[in-house]
Amino acid sequence: MRVSTTVNGRSYEHEIEPRLLLVYYLRDVLGLTGTKVGCDTSSCGACTVLVDGESVKSCTMLAAQADGCAMTTIEALAVDGALDPLQEAFHDNHALQCGFCTSGMVMAAMSIIREHPGLTEADVREGLEGNLCRCTGYHNIVKAVLAGAGRQAHPVGAAR
């Protein structure tokens, strides 16, 4: 089947297998490998991307379901080598260790920040419940999201 998508502001059209998962479309068809395959069961959140602005675990969605949708992956955040303010906050707050979950955490955090203008620690902890990290213990991730929320001056994908 044929799908038309917009990913990180760029339009694509591809012929795909109807059963292709979105995570594999992003990684294998588009070459956007920042989105990780962690569990293939929606348990870990490493594959989190934004679909029409909403946080989605891309291992639970077929690429065909994304037909006509606008998606944002981690690759869209850094512009000309400059990290997005949320990415900077993850770095500054030591919110990553092995880095495997980081792209999914950052993308989920983008959605949480947009949904909660007066973001609290409880909002962050609840919002990240579906994203697992086996290294950090979450404390610094929560600090990073709160710090990053204060730095966000633009919507995801908008020019800076």
C-alpha atoms as a PDB file:
ATOM      1  CA  MET A   1       0.000   0.000   0.000  1.00  0.00           C
ATOM      2  CA  ARG A   2       1.046   3.598  -0.508  1.00  0.00           C
ATOM      3  CA  VAL A   3       1.475   6.008   2.422  1.00  0.00           C
ATOM      4  CA  SER A   4       2.079   9.736   2.450  1.00  0.00           C
ATOM      5  CA  THR A   5       3.586  11.208   5.576  1.00  0.00           C
ATOM      6  CA  THR A   6       5.344  14.299   6.785  1.00  0.00           C
ATOM      7  CA  VAL A   7       8.272  13.531   9.059  1.00  0.00           C
ATOM      8  CA  ASN A   8      10.286  16.317  10.649  1.00  0.00           C
ATOM      9  CA  GLY A   9       8.782  18.790   8.190  1.00  0.00           C
ATOM     10  CA  ARG A  10       9.622  16.774   5.088  1.00  0.00           C
ATOM     11  CA  SER A  11       7.006  15.006   2.916  1.00  0.00           C
ATOM     12  CA  TYR A  12       7.407  11.354   1.962  1.00  0.00           C
ATOM     13  CA  GLU A  13       5.512   8.846  -0.151  1.00  0.00           C
ATOM     14  CA  HIS A  14       6.366   5.165  -0.029  1.00  0.00           C
ATOM     15  CA  GLU A  15       4.983   1.830  -1.027  1.00  0.00           C
ATOM     16  CA  ILE A  16       4.963  -0.314   2.139  1.00  0.00           C
ATOM     17  CA  GLU A  17       3.714  -3.629   3.453  1.00  0.00           C
ATOM     18  CA  PRO A  18       0.390  -3.063   5.266  1.00  0.00           C
ATOM     19  CA  ARG A  19       1.745  -4.796   8.402  1.00  0.00           C
ATOM     20  CA  LEU A  20       4.886  -2.616   8.710  1.00  0.00           C
ATOM     21  CA  LEU A  21       5.170  -1.036  12.145  1.00  0.00           C
ATOM     22  CA  LEU A  22       5.767   2.705  12.305  1.00  0.00           C
ATOM     23  CA  VAL A  23       9.051   2.243  14.195  1.00  0.00           C
ATOM     24  CA  TYR A  24      10.436   0.157  11.318  1.00  0.00           C
ATOM     25  CA  TYR A  25       9.121   2.618   8.729  1.00  0.00           C
ATOM     26  CA  LEU A  26      11.008   5.410  10.490  1.00  0.00           C
ATOM     27  CA  ARG A  27      14.195   3.393  10.990  1.00  0.00           C
ATOM     28  CA  ASP A  28      14.409   1.172   7.914  1.00  0.00           C
ATOM     29  CA  VAL A  29      12.555   3.114   5.232  1.00  0.00           C
ATOM     30  CA  LEU A  30      13.422   6.688   6.230  1.00  0.00           C
ATOM     31  CA  GLY A  31      16.757   5.947   7.930  1.00  0.00           C
ATOM     32  CA  LEU A  32      15.809   7.845  11.106  1.00  0.00           C
ATOM     33  CA  THR A  33      17.515   5.597  13.636  1.00  0.00           C
ATOM     34  CA  GLY A  34      17.203   7.916  16.630  1.00  0.00           C
ATOM     35  CA  THR A  35      13.895   6.174  17.349  1.00  0.00           C
ATOM     36  CA  LYS A  36      14.897   2.979  19.135  1.00  0.00           C
ATOM     37  CA  VAL A  37      13.360  -0.490  19.131  1.00  0.00           C
ATOM     38  CA  GLY A  38      13.364  -1.594  22.738  1.00  0.00           C
ATOM     39  CA  CYS A  39      10.726  -4.194  23.399  1.00  0.00           C
ATOM     40  CA  ASP A  40       8.236  -4.342  20.483  1.00  0.00           C
ATOM     41  CA  THR A  41       5.459  -4.650  23.088  1.00  0.00           C
ATOM     42  CA  SER A  42       4.882  -0.986  24.089  1.00  0.00           C
ATOM     43  CA  SER A  43       6.389  -1.583  27.530  1.00  0.00           C
ATOM     44  CA  CYS A  44       9.542   0.546  27.362  1.00  0.00           C
ATOM     45  CA  GLY A  45       8.789   3.725  25.367  1.00  0.00           C
ATOM     46  CA  ALA A  46      12.184   3.827  23.592  1.00  0.00           C
ATOM     47  CA  CYS A  47      10.279   4.169  20.312  1.00  0.00           C
ATOM     48  CA  THR A  48       8.246   7.229  21.338  1.00  0.00           C
ATOM     49  CA  VAL A  49       7.650   9.833  18.617  1.00  0.00           C
ATOM     50  CA  LEU A  50       5.098  12.592  18.141  1.00  0.00           C
ATOM     51  CA  VAL A  51       2.285  11.907  15.689  1.00  0.00           C
ATOM     52  CA  ASP A  52       0.227  15.001  14.990  1.00  0.00           C
ATOM     53  CA  GLY A  53       1.723  16.413  18.185  1.00  0.00           C
ATOM     54  CA  GLU A  54       0.738  13.480  20.398  1.00  0.00           C
ATOM     55  CA  SER A  55       3.193  11.124  22.060  1.00  0.00           C
ATOM     56  CA  VAL A  56       2.933   7.658  20.458  1.00  0.00           C
ATOM     57  CA  LYS A  57       4.868   4.449  20.957  1.00  0.00           C
ATOM     58  CA  SER A  58       5.733   3.730  17.351  1.00  0.00           C
ATOM     59  CA  CYS A  59       6.021  -0.027  17.953  1.00  0.00           C
ATOM     60  CA  THR A  60       2.260  -0.101  18.569  1.00  0.00           C
ATOM     61  CA  MET A  61       1.199   1.733  15.424  1.00  0.00           C
ATOM     62  CA  LEU A  62       1.226   0.565  11.848  1.00  0.00           C
ATOM     63  CA  ALA A  63       2.919   2.844   9.334  1.00  0.00           C
ATOM     64  CA  ALA A  64      -0.325   2.687   7.338  1.00  0.00           C
ATOM     65  CA  GLN A  65      -2.118   4.336  10.273  1.00  0.00           C
ATOM     66  CA  ALA A  66       0.269   7.291   9.931  1.00  0.00           C
ATOM     67  CA  ASP A  67      -0.883   7.985   6.369  1.00  0.00           C
ATOM     68  CA  GLY A  68      -1.553  11.718   6.156  1.00  0.00           C
ATOM     69  CA  CYS A  69      -0.015  12.399   9.568  1.00  0.00           C
ATOM     70  CA  ALA A  70       2.759  14.766  10.587  1.00  0.00           C
ATOM     71  CA  MET A  71       5.408  13.115  12.735  1.00  0.00           C
ATOM     72  CA  THR A  72       8.318  14.442  14.742  1.00  0.00           C
ATOM     73  CA  THR A  73      11.286  12.303  15.735  1.00  0.00           C
ATOM     74  CA  ILE A  74      14.304  13.092  17.867  1.00  0.00           C
ATOM     75  CA  GLU A  75      16.244  14.034  14.723  1.00  0.00           C
ATOM     76  CA  ALA A  76      14.104  17.183  14.337  1.00  0.00           C
ATOM     77  CA  LEU A  77      15.112  18.721  17.643  1.00  0.00           C
ATOM     78  CA  ALA A  78      18.755  19.713  17.207  1.00  0.00           C
ATOM     79  CA  VAL A  79      19.131  22.451  14.587  1.00  0.00           C
ATOM     80  CA  ASP A  80      22.489  23.158  12.944  1.00  0.00           C
ATOM     81  CA  GLY A  81      24.282  21.280  15.713  1.00  0.00           C
ATOM     82  CA  ALA A  82      22.550  23.228  18.494  1.00  0.00           C
ATOM     83  CA  LEU A  83      20.616  21.055  20.899  1.00  0.00           C
ATOM     84  CA  ASP A  84      16.986  21.782  21.642  1.00  0.00           C
ATOM     85  CA  PRO A  85      16.520  23.351  25.116  1.00  0.00           C
ATOM     86  CA  LEU A  86      15.049  20.082  26.417  1.00  0.00           C
ATOM     87  CA  GLN A  87      18.014  18.112  25.096  1.00  0.00           C
ATOM     88  CA  GLU A  88      20.322  20.645  26.787  1.00  0.00           C
ATOM     89  CA  ALA A  89      18.404  20.159  30.035  1.00  0.00           C
ATOM     90  CA  PHE A  90      18.900  16.374  29.804  1.00  0.00           C
ATOM     91  CA  HIS A  91      22.630  16.965  29.328  1.00  0.00           C
ATOM     92  CA  ASP A  92      22.920  19.609  32.051  1.00  0.00           C
ATOM     93  CA  ASN A  93      21.007  17.495  34.595  1.00  0.00           C
ATOM     94  CA  HIS A  94      22.853  14.246  33.837  1.00  0.00           C
ATOM     95  CA  ALA A  95      19.569  12.639  32.837  1.00  0.00           C
ATOM     96  CA  LEU A  96      21.079   9.914  30.719  1.00  0.00           C
ATOM     97  CA  GLN A  97      23.559   7.146  31.124  1.00  0.00           C
ATOM     98  CA  CYS A  98      23.546   4.524  28.382  1.00  0.00           C
ATOM     99  CA  GLY A  99      21.307   6.762  26.237  1.00  0.00           C
ATOM    100  CA  PHE A 100      19.118   4.002  24.823  1.00  0.00           C
ATOM    101  CA  CYS A 101      15.876   5.359  26.314  1.00  0.00           C
ATOM    102  CA  THR A 102      16.808   9.026  25.896  1.00  0.00           C
ATOM    103  CA  SER A 103      15.171   9.752  22.540  1.00  0.00           C
ATOM    104  CA  GLY A 104      11.884   8.237  23.723  1.00  0.00           C
ATOM    105  CA  MET A 105      12.105  10.090  27.043  1.00  0.00           C
ATOM    106  CA  VAL A 106      12.760  13.416  25.314  1.00  0.00           C
ATOM    107  CA  MET A 107       9.895  12.951  22.844  1.00  0.00           C
ATOM    108  CA  ALA A 108       7.478  11.927  25.618  1.00  0.00           C
ATOM    109  CA  ALA A 109       8.654  14.928  27.650  1.00  0.00           C
ATOM    110  CA  MET A 110       7.934  17.247  24.706  1.00  0.00           C
ATOM    111  CA  SER A 111       4.342  16.067  24.756  1.00  0.00           C
ATOM    112  CA  ILE A 112       4.092  16.372  28.551  1.00  0.00           C
ATOM    113  CA  ILE A 113       5.454  19.926  28.473  1.00  0.00           C
ATOM    114  CA  ARG A 114       2.903  20.931  25.845  1.00  0.00           C
ATOM    115  CA  GLU A 115       0.012  19.313  27.753  1.00  0.00           C
ATOM    116  CA  HIS A 116       0.867  20.824  31.162  1.00  0.00           C
ATOM    117  CA  PRO A 117       1.681  24.550  31.074  1.00  0.00           C
ATOM    118  CA  GLY A 118       2.168  24.625  34.867  1.00  0.00           C
ATOM    119  CA  LEU A 119       4.182  21.414  34.909  1.00  0.00           C
ATOM    120  CA  THR A 120       4.789  19.796  38.287  1.00  0.00           C
ATOM    121  CA  GLU A 121       7.016  16.928  39.369  1.00  0.00           C
ATOM    122  CA  ALA A 122       3.906  14.760  39.730  1.00  0.00           C
ATOM    123  CA  ASP A 123       2.881  15.603  36.131  1.00  0.00           C
ATOM    124  CA  VAL A 124       6.305  14.550  34.866  1.00  0.00           C
ATOM    125  CA  ARG A 125       6.360  11.307  36.839  1.00  0.00           C
ATOM    126  CA  GLU A 126       2.848  10.397  35.682  1.00  0.00           C
ATOM    127  CA  GLY A 127       3.544  11.424  32.095  1.00  0.00           C
ATOM    128  CA  LEU A 128       6.703   9.326  31.876  1.00  0.00           C
ATOM    129  CA  GLU A 129       5.159   6.202  33.435  1.00  0.00           C
ATOM    130  CA  GLY A 130       5.232   4.432  30.070  1.00  0.00           C
ATOM    131  CA  ASN A 131       8.921   5.118  29.442  1.00  0.00           C
ATOM    132  CA  LEU A 132      11.430   2.859  31.144  1.00  0.00           C
ATOM    133  CA  CYS A 133      15.035   3.591  32.002  1.00  0.00           C
ATOM    134  CA  ARG A 134      17.167   0.806  33.397  1.00  0.00           C
ATOM    135  CA  CYS A 135      20.096   3.074  34.317  1.00  0.00           C
ATOM    136  CA  THR A 136      19.174   6.380  35.952  1.00  0.00           C
ATOM    137  CA  GLY A 137      16.535   5.883  38.629  1.00  0.00           C
ATOM    138  CA  TYR A 138      14.477   8.704  37.011  1.00  0.00           C
ATOM    139  CA  HIS A 139      15.369  11.463  39.514  1.00  0.00           C
ATOM    140  CA  ASN A 140      17.604  13.344  37.071  1.00  0.00           C
ATOM    141  CA  ILE A 141      15.208  12.709  34.186  1.00  0.00           C
ATOM    142  CA  VAL A 142      12.414  14.391  36.150  1.00  0.00           C
ATOM    143  CA  LYS A 143      14.748  17.303  37.012  1.00  0.00           C
ATOM    144  CA  ALA A 144      15.693  17.620  33.336  1.00  0.00           C
ATOM    145  CA  VAL A 145      12.096  17.699  32.136  1.00  0.00           C
ATOM    146  CA  LEU A 146      11.199  20.373  34.681  1.00  0.00           C
ATOM    147  CA  ALA A 147      14.287  22.408  33.744  1.00  0.00           C
ATOM    148  CA  GLY A 148      13.615  21.913  30.045  1.00  0.00           C
ATOM    149  CA  ALA A 149      10.014  23.023  30.423  1.00  0.00           C
ATOM    150  CA  GLY A 150      11.258  26.386  31.612  1.00  0.00           C
ATOM    151  CA  ARG A 151      13.560  26.688  28.613  1.00  0.00           C
ATOM    152  CA  GLN A 152      11.046  25.773  25.895  1.00  0.00           C
ATOM    153  CA  ALA A 153      10.274  28.842  23.832  1.00  0.00           C
ATOM    154  CA  HIS A 154       8.960  27.196  20.678  1.00  0.00           C
ATOM    155  CA  PRO A 155       6.697  24.322  19.656  1.00  0.00           C
ATOM    156  CA  VAL A 156       8.346  21.082  18.558  1.00  0.00           C
ATOM    157  CA  GLY A 157       9.470  21.247  14.964  1.00  0.00           C
ATOM    158  CA  ALA A 158       9.164  25.035  14.664  1.00  0.00           C
ATOM    159  CA  ALA A 159      12.075  27.049  13.406  1.00  0.00           C
ATOM    160  CA  ARG A 160      14.181  28.755  16.062  1.00  0.00           C
END
